[in-house]
């Protein structure tokens, strides 16, 4: 399992995303380049649209995998005085925006 050690957490979401990408890409390529006619009906467009939907679904898996692997945010203790300065700046900016909206 040394291959999977770098993948960290959320391996199911990663597997889902990769599988949907492979299936979607294959469906897109087959739909574009193969002639698929059954009783005079062309099914190439169906495969192109299905492939696009599968690739779109894979984006959900990629987002889940990526967000599951984000390390925790730094705490206020770790930020020290810089965190309080950022908090003060955000609070002052928010007050100015609220007071500006209240005047108009």
N, C-alpha and C. Protein backbone atom coordinates (compact mmCIF):
# COMPACT_ATOMS: atom_id res chain seq x y z
N UNK A 1 0.81 -1.20 0.00
CA UNK A 1 0.00 0.00 0.00
C UNK A 1 0.85 1.26 0.00
N UNK A 2 2.11 1.17 -0.33
CA UNK A 2 2.96 2.36 -0.37
C UNK A 2 2.51 3.32 -1.46
N UNK A 3 1.86 2.80 -2.47
CA UNK A 3 1.34 3.65 -3.54
C UNK A 3 0.25 4.58 -3.04
N UNK A 4 -0.57 4.12 -2.12
CA UNK A 4 -1.71 4.91 -1.63
C UNK A 4 -1.37 5.79 -0.43
N UNK A 5 -0.15 5.74 0.09
CA UNK A 5 0.18 6.54 1.26
C UNK A 5 0.12 8.04 0.99
N UNK A 6 0.48 8.45 -0.21
CA UNK A 6 0.47 9.88 -0.53
C UNK A 6 -0.93 10.42 -0.80
N UNK A 7 -1.89 9.55 -0.97
CA UNK A 7 -3.25 9.99 -1.28
C UNK A 7 -4.00 10.45 -0.05
N UNK A 8 -3.49 10.13 1.11
CA UNK A 8 -4.03 10.55 2.40
C UNK A 8 -5.45 10.03 2.59
N UNK A 9 -6.37 10.91 2.92
CA UNK A 9 -7.73 10.50 3.27
C UNK A 9 -8.66 10.55 2.06
N UNK A 10 -9.87 10.09 2.25
CA UNK A 10 -10.96 10.17 1.26
C UNK A 10 -10.63 9.39 -0.02
N UNK A 11 -10.17 8.18 0.13
CA UNK A 11 -9.80 7.39 -1.04
C UNK A 11 -11.02 6.97 -1.85
N UNK A 12 -12.17 6.86 -1.21
CA UNK A 12 -13.39 6.50 -1.94
C UNK A 12 -13.80 7.63 -2.88
N UNK A 13 -13.71 8.86 -2.40
CA UNK A 13 -14.05 10.00 -3.26
C UNK A 13 -13.07 10.10 -4.42
N UNK A 14 -11.80 9.81 -4.17
CA UNK A 14 -10.81 9.82 -5.24
C UNK A 14 -11.09 8.73 -6.27
N UNK A 15 -11.42 7.54 -5.80
CA UNK A 15 -11.74 6.44 -6.71
C UNK A 15 -12.98 6.77 -7.54
N UNK A 16 -13.99 7.37 -6.91
CA UNK A 16 -15.20 7.77 -7.63
C UNK A 16 -14.87 8.80 -8.70
N UNK A 17 -14.05 9.80 -8.36
CA UNK A 17 -13.72 10.85 -9.31
C UNK A 17 -12.93 10.29 -10.50
N UNK A 18 -11.96 9.45 -10.23
CA UNK A 18 -11.15 8.88 -11.31
C UNK A 18 -12.01 7.97 -12.19
N UNK A 19 -12.85 7.15 -11.59
CA UNK A 19 -13.72 6.25 -12.35
C UNK A 19 -14.68 7.04 -13.24
N UNK A 20 -15.29 8.09 -12.70
CA UNK A 20 -16.21 8.90 -13.50
C UNK A 20 -15.47 9.63 -14.63
N UNK A 21 -14.24 10.06 -14.37
CA UNK A 21 -13.45 10.69 -15.43
C UNK A 21 -13.13 9.70 -16.54
N UNK A 22 -12.74 8.49 -16.17
CA UNK A 22 -12.43 7.48 -17.18
C UNK A 22 -13.66 7.09 -18.00
N UNK A 23 -14.76 6.84 -17.31
CA UNK A 23 -15.99 6.46 -18.03
C UNK A 23 -16.50 7.62 -18.89
N UNK A 24 -16.48 8.82 -18.35
CA UNK A 24 -16.94 9.98 -19.11
C UNK A 24 -16.08 10.27 -20.31
N UNK A 25 -14.75 10.19 -20.12
CA UNK A 25 -13.85 10.41 -21.25
C UNK A 25 -14.02 9.36 -22.33
N UNK A 26 -14.18 8.11 -21.90
CA UNK A 26 -14.39 7.04 -22.88
C UNK A 26 -15.70 7.24 -23.64
N UNK A 27 -16.75 7.59 -22.93
CA UNK A 27 -18.04 7.82 -23.59
C UNK A 27 -17.97 8.99 -24.56
N UNK A 28 -17.27 10.05 -24.16
CA UNK A 28 -17.10 11.19 -25.07
C UNK A 28 -16.35 10.79 -26.33
N UNK A 29 -15.26 10.08 -26.18
CA UNK A 29 -14.47 9.70 -27.35
C UNK A 29 -15.23 8.75 -28.25
N UNK A 30 -15.92 7.78 -27.68
CA UNK A 30 -16.70 6.85 -28.50
C UNK A 30 -17.83 7.59 -29.19
N UNK A 31 -18.49 8.51 -28.48
CA UNK A 31 -19.59 9.25 -29.08
C UNK A 31 -19.15 10.16 -30.21
N UNK A 32 -17.94 10.68 -30.12
CA UNK A 32 -17.46 11.59 -31.16
C UNK A 32 -16.91 10.82 -32.36
N UNK A 33 -16.13 9.77 -32.12
CA UNK A 33 -15.39 9.14 -33.21
C UNK A 33 -16.01 7.86 -33.77
N UNK A 34 -16.90 7.22 -33.06
CA UNK A 34 -17.47 5.96 -33.56
C UNK A 34 -18.82 6.24 -34.23
N UNK A 35 -19.12 5.43 -35.22
CA UNK A 35 -20.43 5.54 -35.85
C UNK A 35 -21.35 4.55 -35.17
N UNK A 36 -22.29 5.08 -34.43
CA UNK A 36 -23.21 4.24 -33.66
C UNK A 36 -24.62 4.40 -34.19
N UNK A 37 -24.98 3.55 -35.11
CA UNK A 37 -26.33 3.60 -35.66
C UNK A 37 -27.02 2.27 -35.40
N UNK A 38 -28.21 2.36 -34.84
CA UNK A 38 -29.05 1.18 -34.62
C UNK A 38 -30.39 1.48 -35.27
N UNK A 39 -30.73 0.69 -36.29
CA UNK A 39 -31.98 0.86 -37.04
C UNK A 39 -32.17 2.29 -37.54
N UNK A 40 -31.07 2.87 -38.01
CA UNK A 40 -31.16 4.22 -38.57
C UNK A 40 -31.07 5.34 -37.55
N UNK A 41 -31.03 5.02 -36.27
CA UNK A 41 -30.92 6.04 -35.21
C UNK A 41 -29.45 6.21 -34.81
N UNK A 42 -28.99 7.44 -34.73
CA UNK A 42 -27.61 7.71 -34.33
C UNK A 42 -27.57 7.93 -32.82
N UNK A 43 -26.70 7.18 -32.13
CA UNK A 43 -26.58 7.28 -30.68
C UNK A 43 -25.29 7.97 -30.25
N UNK A 44 -24.60 8.60 -31.17
CA UNK A 44 -23.37 9.31 -30.84
C UNK A 44 -23.61 10.48 -29.90
N UNK A 45 -24.68 11.24 -30.17
CA UNK A 45 -24.99 12.39 -29.31
C UNK A 45 -25.31 11.96 -27.89
N UNK A 46 -26.00 10.84 -27.75
CA UNK A 46 -26.33 10.34 -26.42
C UNK A 46 -25.06 10.05 -25.62
N UNK A 47 -24.08 9.44 -26.27
CA UNK A 47 -22.83 9.15 -25.57
C UNK A 47 -22.04 10.42 -25.26
N UNK A 48 -22.09 11.39 -26.14
CA UNK A 48 -21.39 12.65 -25.88
C UNK A 48 -22.00 13.34 -24.66
N UNK A 49 -23.32 13.43 -24.62
CA UNK A 49 -23.97 14.08 -23.47
C UNK A 49 -23.79 13.27 -22.19
N UNK A 50 -23.86 11.95 -22.29
CA UNK A 50 -23.65 11.11 -21.12
C UNK A 50 -22.22 11.26 -20.60
N UNK A 51 -21.26 11.30 -21.50
CA UNK A 51 -19.87 11.49 -21.10
C UNK A 51 -19.65 12.82 -20.42
N UNK A 52 -20.28 13.86 -20.95
CA UNK A 52 -20.15 15.18 -20.32
C UNK A 52 -20.76 15.17 -18.92
N UNK A 53 -21.89 14.51 -18.74
CA UNK A 53 -22.51 14.43 -17.41
C UNK A 53 -21.65 13.62 -16.43
N UNK A 54 -21.03 12.56 -16.91
CA UNK A 54 -20.16 11.77 -16.04
C UNK A 54 -18.93 12.57 -15.60
N UNK A 55 -18.36 13.34 -16.52
CA UNK A 55 -17.23 14.19 -16.16
C UNK A 55 -17.68 15.26 -15.17
N UNK A 56 -18.87 15.79 -15.36
CA UNK A 56 -19.40 16.78 -14.41
C UNK A 56 -19.61 16.15 -13.04
N UNK A 57 -20.09 14.92 -12.99
CA UNK A 57 -20.27 14.23 -11.71
C UNK A 57 -18.92 13.99 -11.04
N UNK A 58 -17.89 13.77 -11.84
CA UNK A 58 -16.57 13.53 -11.25
C UNK A 58 -16.05 14.76 -10.53
N UNK A 59 -16.49 15.94 -10.96
CA UNK A 59 -16.07 17.15 -10.26
C UNK A 59 -16.50 17.13 -8.80
N UNK A 60 -17.68 16.57 -8.54
CA UNK A 60 -18.12 16.44 -7.15
C UNK A 60 -17.19 15.55 -6.35
N UNK A 61 -16.73 14.47 -6.94
CA UNK A 61 -15.77 13.60 -6.27
C UNK A 61 -14.44 14.29 -6.03
N UNK A 62 -13.98 15.07 -7.01
CA UNK A 62 -12.73 15.80 -6.83
C UNK A 62 -12.85 16.83 -5.73
N UNK A 63 -13.98 17.53 -5.66
CA UNK A 63 -14.18 18.53 -4.59
C UNK A 63 -14.21 17.85 -3.23
N UNK A 64 -14.90 16.72 -3.13
CA UNK A 64 -14.94 16.00 -1.86
C UNK A 64 -13.55 15.52 -1.46
N UNK A 65 -12.80 14.98 -2.41
CA UNK A 65 -11.47 14.50 -2.09
C UNK A 65 -10.56 15.63 -1.66
N UNK A 66 -10.61 16.73 -2.40
CA UNK A 66 -9.74 17.86 -2.08
C UNK A 66 -10.10 18.48 -0.73
N UNK A 67 -11.39 18.69 -0.51
CA UNK A 67 -11.79 19.31 0.76
C UNK A 67 -11.56 18.38 1.93
N UNK A 68 -11.60 17.10 1.71
CA UNK A 68 -11.31 16.15 2.79
C UNK A 68 -9.84 16.08 3.14
N UNK A 69 -8.98 16.53 2.25
CA UNK A 69 -7.54 16.49 2.49
C UNK A 69 -6.95 17.82 2.92
N UNK A 70 -7.78 18.83 3.09
CA UNK A 70 -7.28 20.12 3.55
C UNK A 70 -6.92 19.99 5.03
N UNK A 71 -5.74 20.42 5.36
CA UNK A 71 -5.33 20.40 6.77
C UNK A 71 -6.09 21.48 7.52
N UNK A 72 -6.20 21.30 8.82
CA UNK A 72 -6.95 22.25 9.65
C UNK A 72 -6.38 23.65 9.59
N UNK A 73 -7.25 24.64 9.78
CA UNK A 73 -6.81 26.02 9.79
C UNK A 73 -6.03 26.32 11.06
N UNK A 74 -5.21 27.33 11.00
CA UNK A 74 -4.43 27.68 12.18
C UNK A 74 -5.33 28.29 13.24
N UNK A 75 -5.03 28.00 14.47
CA UNK A 75 -5.85 28.53 15.55
C UNK A 75 -5.43 29.96 15.87
N UNK A 76 -6.22 30.63 16.68
CA UNK A 76 -5.91 32.00 17.06
C UNK A 76 -4.63 32.08 17.87
N UNK A 77 -4.35 31.06 18.67
CA UNK A 77 -3.12 31.05 19.45
C UNK A 77 -1.90 31.02 18.54
N UNK A 78 -2.00 30.28 17.45
CA UNK A 78 -0.87 30.19 16.52
C UNK A 78 -0.66 31.50 15.77
N UNK A 79 -1.74 32.25 15.53
CA UNK A 79 -1.63 33.50 14.81
C UNK A 79 -1.00 34.60 15.67
N UNK A 80 -1.24 34.56 16.96
CA UNK A 80 -0.68 35.55 17.87
C UNK A 80 -1.29 36.92 17.64
N UNK A 81 -0.47 37.96 17.65
CA UNK A 81 -0.97 39.32 17.51
C UNK A 81 -1.42 39.62 16.09
N UNK A 82 -0.93 38.88 15.11
CA UNK A 82 -1.32 39.11 13.72
C UNK A 82 -2.80 38.78 13.53
N UNK A 83 -3.26 37.71 14.17
CA UNK A 83 -4.67 37.34 14.05
C UNK A 83 -5.58 38.41 14.60
N UNK A 84 -5.21 39.01 15.74
CA UNK A 84 -6.07 40.05 16.31
C UNK A 84 -6.06 41.29 15.43
N UNK A 85 -4.92 41.59 14.78
CA UNK A 85 -4.87 42.74 13.88
C UNK A 85 -5.76 42.50 12.66
N UNK A 86 -5.75 41.28 12.15
CA UNK A 86 -6.61 40.95 11.01
C UNK A 86 -8.08 41.03 11.42
N UNK A 87 -8.39 40.54 12.63
CA UNK A 87 -9.76 40.62 13.12
C UNK A 87 -10.20 42.08 13.25
N UNK A 88 -9.34 42.93 13.79
CA UNK A 88 -9.69 44.36 13.92
C UNK A 88 -9.90 45.00 12.56
N UNK A 89 -9.04 44.68 11.62
CA UNK A 89 -9.17 45.25 10.27
C UNK A 89 -10.47 44.80 9.62
N UNK A 90 -10.82 43.53 9.75
CA UNK A 90 -12.06 43.03 9.17
C UNK A 90 -13.27 43.68 9.84
N UNK A 91 -13.22 43.83 11.17
CA UNK A 91 -14.32 44.46 11.88
C UNK A 91 -14.51 45.91 11.45
N UNK A 92 -13.40 46.67 11.33
CA UNK A 92 -13.49 48.07 10.90
C UNK A 92 -14.02 48.18 9.48
N UNK A 93 -13.56 47.33 8.61
CA UNK A 93 -14.03 47.35 7.22
C UNK A 93 -15.52 47.03 7.16
N UNK A 94 -15.95 46.06 7.95
CA UNK A 94 -17.36 45.70 7.98
C UNK A 94 -18.21 46.86 8.49
N UNK A 95 -17.73 47.55 9.53
CA UNK A 95 -18.47 48.71 10.05
C UNK A 95 -18.59 49.80 9.00
N UNK A 96 -17.50 50.07 8.28
CA UNK A 96 -17.53 51.11 7.25
C UNK A 96 -18.51 50.76 6.14
N UNK A 97 -18.55 49.50 5.75
CA UNK A 97 -19.48 49.08 4.69
C UNK A 97 -20.91 49.22 5.17
N UNK A 98 -21.18 48.81 6.42
CA UNK A 98 -22.54 48.93 6.97
C UNK A 98 -22.96 50.38 7.09
N UNK A 99 -22.06 51.25 7.55
CA UNK A 99 -22.43 52.66 7.71
C UNK A 99 -22.62 53.31 6.35
N UNK A 100 -21.86 52.88 5.34
CA UNK A 100 -22.01 53.43 3.99
C UNK A 100 -23.36 53.02 3.42
N UNK A 101 -23.78 51.78 3.63
CA UNK A 101 -25.07 51.31 3.12
C UNK A 101 -26.21 52.01 3.85
N UNK A 102 -26.02 52.29 5.12
CA UNK A 102 -27.08 52.95 5.91
C UNK A 102 -27.33 54.36 5.45
N UNK A 103 -26.31 55.05 4.94
CA UNK A 103 -26.47 56.42 4.48
C UNK A 103 -27.20 56.50 3.15
N UNK A 104 -27.10 55.46 2.33
CA UNK A 104 -27.71 55.52 0.98
C UNK A 104 -28.97 54.76 0.92
